[in-house]
């Protein structure tokens, strides 16, 4: 398990990049408050999801507006057609941890 940050430091709608692993991972708090971890790079144009727009439990790529489900990593609209990896998130004592799934 890899420590990311305190839960209170990640507001709903915000993201933080974990670049201590390759490829980097975006840890994103959806508008519902749930925390997700997905590969940070869009499968279509290699943009960072940390620069994207979070709505509900999705994130929109900042370059071409493909929307990805934070739960599954799958795109919901073109131009992206390929999903991105997801990772296990745990919250313990107010801390966010991820388990990298490769």
PDB file of N, CA and C in Angstrom:
ATOM      1  N   UNK A   1       0.837  -1.181   0.000  1.00  0.00           N
ATOM      2  CA  UNK A   1       0.000   0.000   0.000  1.00  0.00           C
ATOM      3  C   UNK A   1       0.880   1.243   0.000  1.00  0.00           C
ATOM      4  N   UNK A   2       0.475   2.213  -0.774  1.00  0.00           N
ATOM      5  CA  UNK A   2       1.238   3.447  -0.935  1.00  0.00           C
ATOM      6  C   UNK A   2       0.427   4.613  -0.365  1.00  0.00           C
ATOM      7  N   UNK A   3       1.003   5.333   0.612  1.00  0.00           N
ATOM      8  CA  UNK A   3       0.334   6.499   1.192  1.00  0.00           C
ATOM      9  C   UNK A   3       0.272   7.611   0.151  1.00  0.00           C
ATOM     10  N   UNK A   4      -0.901   8.242   0.036  1.00  0.00           N
ATOM     11  CA  UNK A   4      -1.088   9.332  -0.925  1.00  0.00           C
ATOM     12  C   UNK A   4      -1.163  10.676  -0.209  1.00  0.00           C
ATOM     13  N   UNK A   5      -2.147  10.836   0.674  1.00  0.00           N
ATOM     14  CA  UNK A   5      -2.335  12.090   1.403  1.00  0.00           C
ATOM     15  C   UNK A   5      -3.416  11.884   2.450  1.00  0.00           C
ATOM     16  N   UNK A   6      -3.669  12.904   3.237  1.00  0.00           N
ATOM     17  CA  UNK A   6      -4.786  12.899   4.181  1.00  0.00           C
ATOM     18  C   UNK A   6      -6.085  13.098   3.399  1.00  0.00           C
ATOM     19  N   UNK A   7      -7.137  12.405   3.802  1.00  0.00           N
ATOM     20  CA  UNK A   7      -8.436  12.547   3.144  1.00  0.00           C
ATOM     21  C   UNK A   7      -8.906  14.000   3.180  1.00  0.00           C
ATOM     22  N   UNK A   8      -8.692  14.675   4.292  1.00  0.00           N
ATOM     23  CA  UNK A   8      -9.120  16.075   4.418  1.00  0.00           C
ATOM     24  C   UNK A   8      -8.376  17.018   3.478  1.00  0.00           C
ATOM     25  N   UNK A   9      -7.230  16.582   2.949  1.00  0.00           N
ATOM     26  CA  UNK A   9      -6.451  17.417   2.026  1.00  0.00           C
ATOM     27  C   UNK A   9      -6.914  17.288   0.575  1.00  0.00           C
ATOM     28  N   UNK A  10      -7.851  16.370   0.315  1.00  0.00           N
ATOM     29  CA  UNK A  10      -8.354  16.156  -1.043  1.00  0.00           C
ATOM     30  C   UNK A  10      -9.859  16.419  -1.037  1.00  0.00           C
ATOM     31  N   UNK A  11     -10.233  17.589  -1.487  1.00  0.00           N
ATOM     32  CA  UNK A  11     -11.643  17.991  -1.500  1.00  0.00           C
ATOM     33  C   UNK A  11     -12.385  17.289  -2.643  1.00  0.00           C
ATOM     34  N   UNK A  12     -13.717  17.103  -2.511  1.00  0.00           N
ATOM     35  CA  UNK A  12     -14.488  16.565  -3.630  1.00  0.00           C
ATOM     36  C   UNK A  12     -14.253  17.396  -4.893  1.00  0.00           C
ATOM     37  N   UNK A  13     -14.030  16.706  -6.011  1.00  0.00           N
ATOM     38  CA  UNK A  13     -13.759  17.365  -7.284  1.00  0.00           C
ATOM     39  C   UNK A  13     -12.288  17.623  -7.542  1.00  0.00           C
ATOM     40  N   UNK A  14     -11.417  17.297  -6.576  1.00  0.00           N
ATOM     41  CA  UNK A  14      -9.977  17.529  -6.738  1.00  0.00           C
ATOM     42  C   UNK A  14      -9.237  16.230  -7.049  1.00  0.00           C
ATOM     43  N   UNK A  15      -8.022  16.399  -7.575  1.00  0.00           N
ATOM     44  CA  UNK A  15      -7.167  15.263  -7.921  1.00  0.00           C
ATOM     45  C   UNK A  15      -5.742  15.544  -7.478  1.00  0.00           C
ATOM     46  N   UNK A  16      -5.014  14.475  -7.229  1.00  0.00           N
ATOM     47  CA  UNK A  16      -3.595  14.578  -6.912  1.00  0.00           C
ATOM     48  C   UNK A  16      -2.855  13.516  -7.724  1.00  0.00           C
ATOM     49  N   UNK A  17      -1.714  13.903  -8.266  1.00  0.00           N
ATOM     50  CA  UNK A  17      -0.928  12.973  -9.082  1.00  0.00           C
ATOM     51  C   UNK A  17       0.091  12.255  -8.201  1.00  0.00           C
ATOM     52  N   UNK A  18       0.126  10.928  -8.343  1.00  0.00           N
ATOM     53  CA  UNK A  18       1.133  10.110  -7.674  1.00  0.00           C
ATOM     54  C   UNK A  18       2.146   9.741  -8.748  1.00  0.00           C
ATOM     55  N   UNK A  19       3.274  10.455  -8.756  1.00  0.00           N
ATOM     56  CA  UNK A  19       4.262  10.191  -9.801  1.00  0.00           C
ATOM     57  C   UNK A  19       5.466   9.418  -9.284  1.00  0.00           C
ATOM     58  N   UNK A  20       5.333   8.851  -8.076  1.00  0.00           N
ATOM     59  CA  UNK A  20       6.396   7.984  -7.565  1.00  0.00           C
ATOM     60  C   UNK A  20       6.302   6.593  -8.173  1.00  0.00           C
ATOM     61  N   UNK A  21       5.222   6.326  -8.927  1.00  0.00           N
ATOM     62  CA  UNK A  21       5.070   5.078  -9.676  1.00  0.00           C
ATOM     63  C   UNK A  21       4.988   5.428 -11.153  1.00  0.00           C
ATOM     64  N   UNK A  22       5.364   4.505 -11.991  1.00  0.00           N
ATOM     65  CA  UNK A  22       5.323   4.722 -13.439  1.00  0.00           C
ATOM     66  C   UNK A  22       4.453   3.655 -14.078  1.00  0.00           C
ATOM     67  N   UNK A  23       3.533   4.024 -14.932  1.00  0.00           N
ATOM     68  CA  UNK A  23       3.094   5.386 -15.210  1.00  0.00           C
ATOM     69  C   UNK A  23       2.393   5.984 -13.988  1.00  0.00           C
ATOM     70  N   UNK A  24       2.295   7.321 -13.926  1.00  0.00           N
ATOM     71  CA  UNK A  24       1.684   7.982 -12.771  1.00  0.00           C
ATOM     72  C   UNK A  24       0.208   7.625 -12.603  1.00  0.00           C
ATOM     73  N   UNK A  25      -0.273   7.813 -11.391  1.00  0.00           N
ATOM     74  CA  UNK A  25      -1.668   7.516 -11.043  1.00  0.00           C
ATOM     75  C   UNK A  25      -2.337   8.804 -10.567  1.00  0.00           C
ATOM     76  N   UNK A  26      -3.577   9.004 -11.001  1.00  0.00           N
ATOM     77  CA  UNK A  26      -4.389  10.124 -10.516  1.00  0.00           C
ATOM     78  C   UNK A  26      -5.294   9.609  -9.406  1.00  0.00           C
ATOM     79  N   UNK A  27      -5.195  10.210  -8.238  1.00  0.00           N
ATOM     80  CA  UNK A  27      -6.113   9.907  -7.145  1.00  0.00           C
ATOM     81  C   UNK A  27      -7.117  11.052  -7.125  1.00  0.00           C
ATOM     82  N   UNK A  28      -8.378  10.698  -7.356  1.00  0.00           N
ATOM     83  CA  UNK A  28      -9.421  11.696  -7.586  1.00  0.00           C
ATOM     84  C   UNK A  28     -10.559  11.475  -6.601  1.00  0.00           C
ATOM     85  N   UNK A  29     -10.993  12.559  -5.992  1.00  0.00           N
ATOM     86  CA  UNK A  29     -12.159  12.489  -5.108  1.00  0.00           C
ATOM     87  C   UNK A  29     -13.367  12.963  -5.895  1.00  0.00           C
ATOM     88  N   UNK A  30     -14.291  12.037  -6.137  1.00  0.00           N
ATOM     89  CA  UNK A  30     -15.500  12.375  -6.876  1.00  0.00           C
ATOM     90  C   UNK A  30     -16.365  13.348  -6.096  1.00  0.00           C
ATOM     91  N   UNK A  31     -17.336  13.912  -6.765  1.00  0.00           N
ATOM     92  CA  UNK A  31     -18.222  14.882  -6.115  1.00  0.00           C
ATOM     93  C   UNK A  31     -19.005  14.265  -4.964  1.00  0.00           C
ATOM     94  N   UNK A  32     -19.190  12.937  -4.998  1.00  0.00           N
ATOM     95  CA  UNK A  32     -19.893  12.250  -3.911  1.00  0.00           C
ATOM     96  C   UNK A  32     -19.017  12.098  -2.674  1.00  0.00           C
ATOM     97  N   UNK A  33     -17.712  12.352  -2.832  1.00  0.00           N
ATOM     98  CA  UNK A  33     -16.775  12.189  -1.726  1.00  0.00           C
ATOM     99  C   UNK A  33     -15.976  10.909  -1.802  1.00  0.00           C
ATOM    100  N   UNK A  34     -16.400   9.971  -2.658  1.00  0.00           N
ATOM    101  CA  UNK A  34     -15.663   8.718  -2.814  1.00  0.00           C
ATOM    102  C   UNK A  34     -14.330   8.993  -3.506  1.00  0.00           C
ATOM    103  N   UNK A  35     -13.301   8.224  -3.126  1.00  0.00           N
ATOM    104  CA  UNK A  35     -11.963   8.417  -3.679  1.00  0.00           C
ATOM    105  C   UNK A  35     -11.654   7.278  -4.646  1.00  0.00           C
ATOM    106  N   UNK A  36     -11.105   7.637  -5.799  1.00  0.00           N
ATOM    107  CA  UNK A  36     -10.763   6.684  -6.848  1.00  0.00           C
ATOM    108  C   UNK A  36      -9.304   6.858  -7.247  1.00  0.00           C
ATOM    109  N   UNK A  37      -8.737   5.811  -7.835  1.00  0.00           N
ATOM    110  CA  UNK A  37      -7.375   5.891  -8.370  1.00  0.00           C
ATOM    111  C   UNK A  37      -7.373   5.264  -9.757  1.00  0.00           C
ATOM    112  N   UNK A  38      -6.953   6.053 -10.754  1.00  0.00           N
ATOM    113  CA  UNK A  38      -6.867   5.562 -12.128  1.00  0.00           C
ATOM    114  C   UNK A  38      -5.522   5.986 -12.707  1.00  0.00           C
ATOM    115  N   UNK A  39      -5.105   5.279 -13.758  1.00  0.00           N
ATOM    116  CA  UNK A  39      -3.898   5.719 -14.456  1.00  0.00           C
ATOM    117  C   UNK A  39      -4.111   7.169 -14.873  1.00  0.00           C
ATOM    118  N   UNK A  40      -3.091   8.000 -14.690  1.00  0.00           N
ATOM    119  CA  UNK A  40      -3.258   9.445 -14.871  1.00  0.00           C
ATOM    120  C   UNK A  40      -3.295   9.896 -16.325  1.00  0.00           C
ATOM    121  N   UNK A  41      -2.921   9.046 -17.252  1.00  0.00           N
ATOM    122  CA  UNK A  41      -2.772   9.478 -18.637  1.00  0.00           C
ATOM    123  C   UNK A  41      -3.938   9.008 -19.493  1.00  0.00           C
ATOM    124  N   UNK A  42      -4.589   9.945 -20.171  1.00  0.00           N
ATOM    125  CA  UNK A  42      -5.694   9.617 -21.071  1.00  0.00           C
ATOM    126  C   UNK A  42      -5.217   8.653 -22.149  1.00  0.00           C
ATOM    127  N   UNK A  43      -6.043   7.662 -22.449  1.00  0.00           N
ATOM    128  CA  UNK A  43      -5.673   6.660 -23.455  1.00  0.00           C
ATOM    129  C   UNK A  43      -5.729   7.210 -24.877  1.00  0.00           C
ATOM    130  N   UNK A  44      -6.315   8.375 -25.070  1.00  0.00           N
ATOM    131  CA  UNK A  44      -6.435   8.939 -26.410  1.00  0.00           C
ATOM    132  C   UNK A  44      -5.297   9.898 -26.748  1.00  0.00           C
ATOM    133  N   UNK A  45      -5.013  10.846 -25.853  1.00  0.00           N
ATOM    134  CA  UNK A  45      -4.066  11.895 -26.230  1.00  0.00           C
ATOM    135  C   UNK A  45      -2.995  12.174 -25.182  1.00  0.00           C
ATOM    136  N   UNK A  46      -2.864  11.283 -24.226  1.00  0.00           N
ATOM    137  CA  UNK A  46      -1.805  11.366 -23.221  1.00  0.00           C
ATOM    138  C   UNK A  46      -1.835  12.636 -22.378  1.00  0.00           C
ATOM    139  N   UNK A  47      -3.020  13.142 -22.094  1.00  0.00           N
ATOM    140  CA  UNK A  47      -3.168  14.284 -21.185  1.00  0.00           C
ATOM    141  C   UNK A  47      -3.345  13.766 -19.762  1.00  0.00           C
ATOM    142  N   UNK A  48      -3.021  14.603 -18.789  1.00  0.00           N
ATOM    143  CA  UNK A  48      -3.149  14.233 -17.379  1.00  0.00           C
ATOM    144  C   UNK A  48      -4.583  14.439 -16.896  1.00  0.00           C
ATOM    145  N   UNK A  49      -5.158  13.397 -16.296  1.00  0.00           N
ATOM    146  CA  UNK A  49      -6.491  13.535 -15.718  1.00  0.00           C
ATOM    147  C   UNK A  49      -6.494  14.501 -14.537  1.00  0.00           C
ATOM    148  N   UNK A  50      -5.345  14.706 -13.918  1.00  0.00           N
ATOM    149  CA  UNK A  50      -5.267  15.664 -12.803  1.00  0.00           C
ATOM    150  C   UNK A  50      -5.572  17.084 -13.268  1.00  0.00           C
ATOM    151  N   UNK A  51      -5.459  17.332 -14.575  1.00  0.00           N
ATOM    152  CA  UNK A  51      -5.800  18.636 -15.151  1.00  0.00           C
ATOM    153  C   UNK A  51      -7.218  18.654 -15.709  1.00  0.00           C
ATOM    154  N   UNK A  52      -7.931  17.530 -15.557  1.00  0.00           N
ATOM    155  CA  UNK A  52      -9.269  17.405 -16.113  1.00  0.00           C
ATOM    156  C   UNK A  52     -10.349  17.949 -15.194  1.00  0.00           C
ATOM    157  N   UNK A  53     -11.597  17.754 -15.617  1.00  0.00           N
ATOM    158  CA  UNK A  53     -12.770  18.256 -14.907  1.00  0.00           C
ATOM    159  C   UNK A  53     -13.525  17.078 -14.300  1.00  0.00           C
ATOM    160  N   UNK A  54     -13.733  17.103 -12.991  1.00  0.00           N
ATOM    161  CA  UNK A  54     -14.453  16.039 -12.295  1.00  0.00           C
ATOM    162  C   UNK A  54     -15.924  16.423 -12.198  1.00  0.00           C
ATOM    163  N   UNK A  55     -16.784  15.503 -12.628  1.00  0.00           N
ATOM    164  CA  UNK A  55     -18.224  15.699 -12.502  1.00  0.00           C
ATOM    165  C   UNK A  55     -18.826  14.384 -12.041  1.00  0.00           C
ATOM    166  N   UNK A  56     -19.495  14.404 -10.902  1.00  0.00           N
ATOM    167  CA  UNK A  56     -20.036  13.168 -10.341  1.00  0.00           C
ATOM    168  C   UNK A  56     -18.895  12.213 -10.054  1.00  0.00           C
ATOM    169  N   UNK A  57     -18.970  11.034 -10.641  1.00  0.00           N
ATOM    170  CA  UNK A  57     -17.913  10.039 -10.499  1.00  0.00           C
ATOM    171  C   UNK A  57     -17.243   9.777 -11.842  1.00  0.00           C
ATOM    172  N   UNK A  58     -17.022  10.878 -12.590  1.00  0.00           N
ATOM    173  CA  UNK A  58     -16.310  10.812 -13.865  1.00  0.00           C
ATOM    174  C   UNK A  58     -15.263  11.916 -13.910  1.00  0.00           C
ATOM    175  N   UNK A  59     -14.320  11.753 -14.839  1.00  0.00           N
ATOM    176  CA  UNK A  59     -13.335  12.802 -15.088  1.00  0.00           C
ATOM    177  C   UNK A  59     -13.271  13.021 -16.594  1.00  0.00           C
ATOM    178  N   UNK A  60     -13.201  14.284 -16.981  1.00  0.00           N
ATOM    179  CA  UNK A  60     -13.130  14.645 -18.395  1.00  0.00           C
ATOM    180  C   UNK A  60     -11.697  14.997 -18.753  1.00  0.00           C
ATOM    181  N   UNK A  61     -11.182  14.393 -19.813  1.00  0.00           N
ATOM    182  CA  UNK A  61      -9.843  14.698 -20.301  1.00  0.00           C
ATOM    183  C   UNK A  61      -9.792  16.174 -20.706  1.00  0.00           C
ATOM    184  N   UNK A  62      -8.741  16.892 -20.303  1.00  0.00           N
ATOM    185  CA  UNK A  62      -8.672  18.320 -20.606  1.00  0.00           C
ATOM    186  C   UNK A  62      -8.403  18.650 -22.071  1.00  0.00           C
ATOM    187  N   UNK A  63      -7.972  17.676 -22.870  1.00  0.00           N
ATOM    188  CA  UNK A  63      -7.647  17.981 -24.267  1.00  0.00           C
ATOM    189  C   UNK A  63      -8.815  17.828 -25.231  1.00  0.00           C
ATOM    190  N   UNK A  64      -9.460  16.661 -25.227  1.00  0.00           N
ATOM    191  CA  UNK A  64     -10.486  16.406 -26.236  1.00  0.00           C
ATOM    192  C   UNK A  64     -11.836  16.022 -25.647  1.00  0.00           C
ATOM    193  N   UNK A  65     -11.987  16.198 -24.343  1.00  0.00           N
ATOM    194  CA  UNK A  65     -13.269  16.050 -23.658  1.00  0.00           C
ATOM    195  C   UNK A  65     -13.842  14.645 -23.596  1.00  0.00           C
ATOM    196  N   UNK A  66     -13.018  13.612 -23.747  1.00  0.00           N
ATOM    197  CA  UNK A  66     -13.512  12.269 -23.461  1.00  0.00           C
ATOM    198  C   UNK A  66     -13.751  12.177 -21.964  1.00  0.00           C
ATOM    199  N   UNK A  67     -14.855  11.556 -21.591  1.00  0.00           N
ATOM    200  CA  UNK A  67     -15.213  11.393 -20.184  1.00  0.00           C
ATOM    201  C   UNK A  67     -14.951   9.942 -19.791  1.00  0.00           C
ATOM    202  N   UNK A  68     -14.283   9.754 -18.643  1.00  0.00           N
ATOM    203  CA  UNK A  68     -13.941   8.419 -18.158  1.00  0.00           C
ATOM    204  C   UNK A  68     -14.633   8.158 -16.824  1.00  0.00           C
ATOM    205  N   UNK A  69     -15.159   6.947 -16.675  1.00  0.00           N
ATOM    206  CA  UNK A  69     -15.750   6.510 -15.416  1.00  0.00           C
ATOM    207  C   UNK A  69     -14.629   6.274 -14.400  1.00  0.00           C
ATOM    208  N   UNK A  70     -14.719   6.893 -13.236  1.00  0.00           N
ATOM    209  CA  UNK A  70     -13.681   6.726 -12.225  1.00  0.00           C
ATOM    210  C   UNK A  70     -13.719   5.340 -11.588  1.00  0.00           C
ATOM    211  N   UNK A  71     -14.869   4.667 -11.625  1.00  0.00           N
ATOM    212  CA  UNK A  71     -14.990   3.326 -11.039  1.00  0.00           C
ATOM    213  C   UNK A  71     -14.337   2.267 -11.913  1.00  0.00           C
ATOM    214  N   UNK A  72     -14.524   2.377 -13.236  1.00  0.00           N
ATOM    215  CA  UNK A  72     -14.069   1.319 -14.145  1.00  0.00           C
ATOM    216  C   UNK A  72     -12.887   1.713 -15.018  1.00  0.00           C
ATOM    217  N   UNK A  73     -12.648   3.017 -15.180  1.00  0.00           N
ATOM    218  CA  UNK A  73     -11.604   3.491 -16.082  1.00  0.00           C
ATOM    219  C   UNK A  73     -12.014   3.495 -17.545  1.00  0.00           C
ATOM    220  N   UNK A  74     -13.258   3.134 -17.829  1.00  0.00           N
ATOM    221  CA  UNK A  74     -13.730   3.048 -19.215  1.00  0.00           C
ATOM    222  C   UNK A  74     -14.204   4.410 -19.721  1.00  0.00           C
ATOM    223  N   UNK A  75     -13.930   4.696 -21.022  1.00  0.00           N
ATOM    224  CA  UNK A  75     -14.422   5.952 -21.598  1.00  0.00           C
ATOM    225  C   UNK A  75     -15.928   5.879 -21.833  1.00  0.00           C
ATOM    226  N   UNK A  76     -16.585   7.014 -21.670  1.00  0.00           N
ATOM    227  CA  UNK A  76     -18.029   7.070 -21.877  1.00  0.00           C
ATOM    228  C   UNK A  76     -18.402   7.731 -23.194  1.00  0.00           C
ATOM    229  N   UNK A  77     -17.407   8.327 -23.876  1.00  0.00           N
ATOM    230  CA  UNK A  77     -17.675   8.964 -25.164  1.00  0.00           C
ATOM    231  C   UNK A  77     -16.364   9.097 -25.944  1.00  0.00           C
ATOM    232  N   UNK A  78     -16.457   9.273 -27.279  1.00  0.00           N
ATOM    233  CA  UNK A  78     -15.256   9.470 -28.087  1.00  0.00           C
ATOM    234  C   UNK A  78     -14.647  10.841 -27.821  1.00  0.00           C
ATOM    235  N   UNK A  79     -13.421  11.066 -28.221  1.00  0.00           N
ATOM    236  CA  UNK A  79     -12.648  10.236 -29.133  1.00  0.00           C
ATOM    237  C   UNK A  79     -11.948   9.044 -28.480  1.00  0.00           C
ATOM    238  N   UNK A  80     -11.847   8.983 -27.157  1.00  0.00           N
ATOM    239  CA  UNK A  80     -11.194   7.830 -26.524  1.00  0.00           C
ATOM    240  C   UNK A  80     -12.051   6.582 -26.708  1.00  0.00           C
ATOM    241  N   UNK A  81     -11.395   5.464 -26.988  1.00  0.00           N
ATOM    242  CA  UNK A  81     -12.095   4.192 -27.138  1.00  0.00           C
ATOM    243  C   UNK A  81     -11.527   3.118 -26.220  1.00  0.00           C
ATOM    244  N   UNK A  82     -10.386   3.387 -25.612  1.00  0.00           N
ATOM    245  CA  UNK A  82      -9.715   2.410 -24.753  1.00  0.00           C
ATOM    246  C   UNK A  82      -9.732   2.915 -23.311  1.00  0.00           C
ATOM    247  N   UNK A  83      -9.999   2.005 -22.380  1.00  0.00           N
ATOM    248  CA  UNK A  83     -10.025   2.361 -20.967  1.00  0.00           C
ATOM    249  C   UNK A  83      -8.629   2.530 -20.386  1.00  0.00           C
ATOM    250  N   UNK A  84      -8.582   3.001 -19.151  1.00  0.00           N
ATOM    251  CA  UNK A  84      -7.328   3.142 -18.407  1.00  0.00           C
ATOM    252  C   UNK A  84      -7.419   2.278 -17.154  1.00  0.00           C
ATOM    253  N   UNK A  85      -6.264   1.954 -16.586  1.00  0.00           N
ATOM    254  CA  UNK A  85      -6.223   1.094 -15.412  1.00  0.00           C
ATOM    255  C   UNK A  85      -6.795   1.757 -14.171  1.00  0.00           C
ATOM    256  N   UNK A  86      -7.377   0.940 -13.308  1.00  0.00           N
ATOM    257  CA  UNK A  86      -7.872   1.409 -12.015  1.00  0.00           C
ATOM    258  C   UNK A  86      -7.081   0.722 -10.912  1.00  0.00           C
ATOM    259  N   UNK A  87      -7.095   1.321  -9.741  1.00  0.00           N
ATOM    260  CA  UNK A  87      -6.298   0.824  -8.621  1.00  0.00           C
ATOM    261  C   UNK A  87      -7.138   0.842  -7.353  1.00  0.00           C
ATOM    262  N   UNK A  88      -6.772   0.003  -6.403  1.00  0.00           N
ATOM    263  CA  UNK A  88      -7.529  -0.136  -5.160  1.00  0.00           C
ATOM    264  C   UNK A  88      -7.200   1.017  -4.218  1.00  0.00           C
ATOM    265  N   UNK A  89      -8.243   1.630  -3.662  1.00  0.00           N
ATOM    266  CA  UNK A  89      -8.092   2.733  -2.706  1.00  0.00           C
ATOM    267  C   UNK A  89      -8.569   2.260  -1.336  1.00  0.00           C
ATOM    268  N   UNK A  90      -7.794   2.583  -0.313  1.00  0.00           N
ATOM    269  CA  UNK A  90      -8.188   2.313   1.070  1.00  0.00           C
ATOM    270  C   UNK A  90      -8.062   3.604   1.869  1.00  0.00           C
ATOM    271  N   UNK A  91      -9.000   3.808   2.771  1.00  0.00           N
ATOM    272  CA  UNK A  91      -8.941   4.951   3.686  1.00  0.00           C
ATOM    273  C   UNK A  91      -8.770   4.365   5.093  1.00  0.00           C
ATOM    274  N   UNK A  92      -7.677   4.750   5.746  1.00  0.00           N
ATOM    275  CA  UNK A  92      -7.412   4.267   7.106  1.00  0.00           C
ATOM    276  C   UNK A  92      -7.026   5.432   7.996  1.00  0.00           C
ATOM    277  N   UNK A  93      -7.764   5.601   9.077  1.00  0.00           N
ATOM    278  CA  UNK A  93      -7.474   6.667  10.040  1.00  0.00           C
ATOM    279  C   UNK A  93      -7.325   8.030   9.362  1.00  0.00           C
ATOM    280  N   UNK A  94      -8.170   8.277   8.368  1.00  0.00           N
ATOM    281  CA  UNK A  94      -8.147   9.565   7.683  1.00  0.00           C
ATOM    282  C   UNK A  94      -7.061   9.723   6.641  1.00  0.00           C
ATOM    283  N   UNK A  95      -6.341   8.630   6.333  1.00  0.00           N
ATOM    284  CA  UNK A  95      -5.285   8.651   5.319  1.00  0.00           C
ATOM    285  C   UNK A  95      -5.727   7.867   4.088  1.00  0.00           C
ATOM    286  N   UNK A  96      -5.353   8.356   2.900  1.00  0.00           N
ATOM    287  CA  UNK A  96      -5.650   7.668   1.641  1.00  0.00           C
ATOM    288  C   UNK A  96      -4.434   6.843   1.239  1.00  0.00           C
ATOM    289  N   UNK A  97      -4.682   5.564   0.938  1.00  0.00           N
ATOM    290  CA  UNK A  97      -3.651   4.654   0.438  1.00  0.00           C
ATOM    291  C   UNK A  97      -4.140   4.051  -0.869  1.00  0.00           C
ATOM    292  N   UNK A  98      -3.208   3.731  -1.754  1.00  0.00           N
ATOM    293  CA  UNK A  98      -3.569   3.008  -2.972  1.00  0.00           C
ATOM    294  C   UNK A  98      -2.741   1.740  -3.079  1.00  0.00           C
ATOM    295  N   UNK A  99      -3.353   0.747  -3.705  1.00  0.00           N
ATOM    296  CA  UNK A  99      -2.660  -0.491  -4.045  1.00  0.00           C
ATOM    297  C   UNK A  99      -2.599  -0.536  -5.564  1.00  0.00           C
ATOM    298  N   UNK A 100      -1.393  -0.437  -6.094  1.00  0.00           N
ATOM    299  CA  UNK A 100      -1.204  -0.366  -7.542  1.00  0.00           C
ATOM    300  C   UNK A 100      -1.515  -1.720  -8.164  1.00  0.00           C
ATOM    301  N   UNK A 101      -2.368  -1.718  -9.185  1.00  0.00           N
ATOM    302  CA  UNK A 101      -2.755  -2.922  -9.925  1.00  0.00           C
ATOM    303  C   UNK A 101      -2.165  -2.851 -11.320  1.00  0.00           C
ATOM    304  N   UNK A 102      -1.158  -3.634 -11.597  1.00  0.00           N
ATOM    305  CA  UNK A 102      -0.558  -3.626 -12.942  1.00  0.00           C
ATOM    306  C   UNK A 102      -0.628  -5.008 -13.529  1.00  0.00           C
TER     307      UNK A 102
END
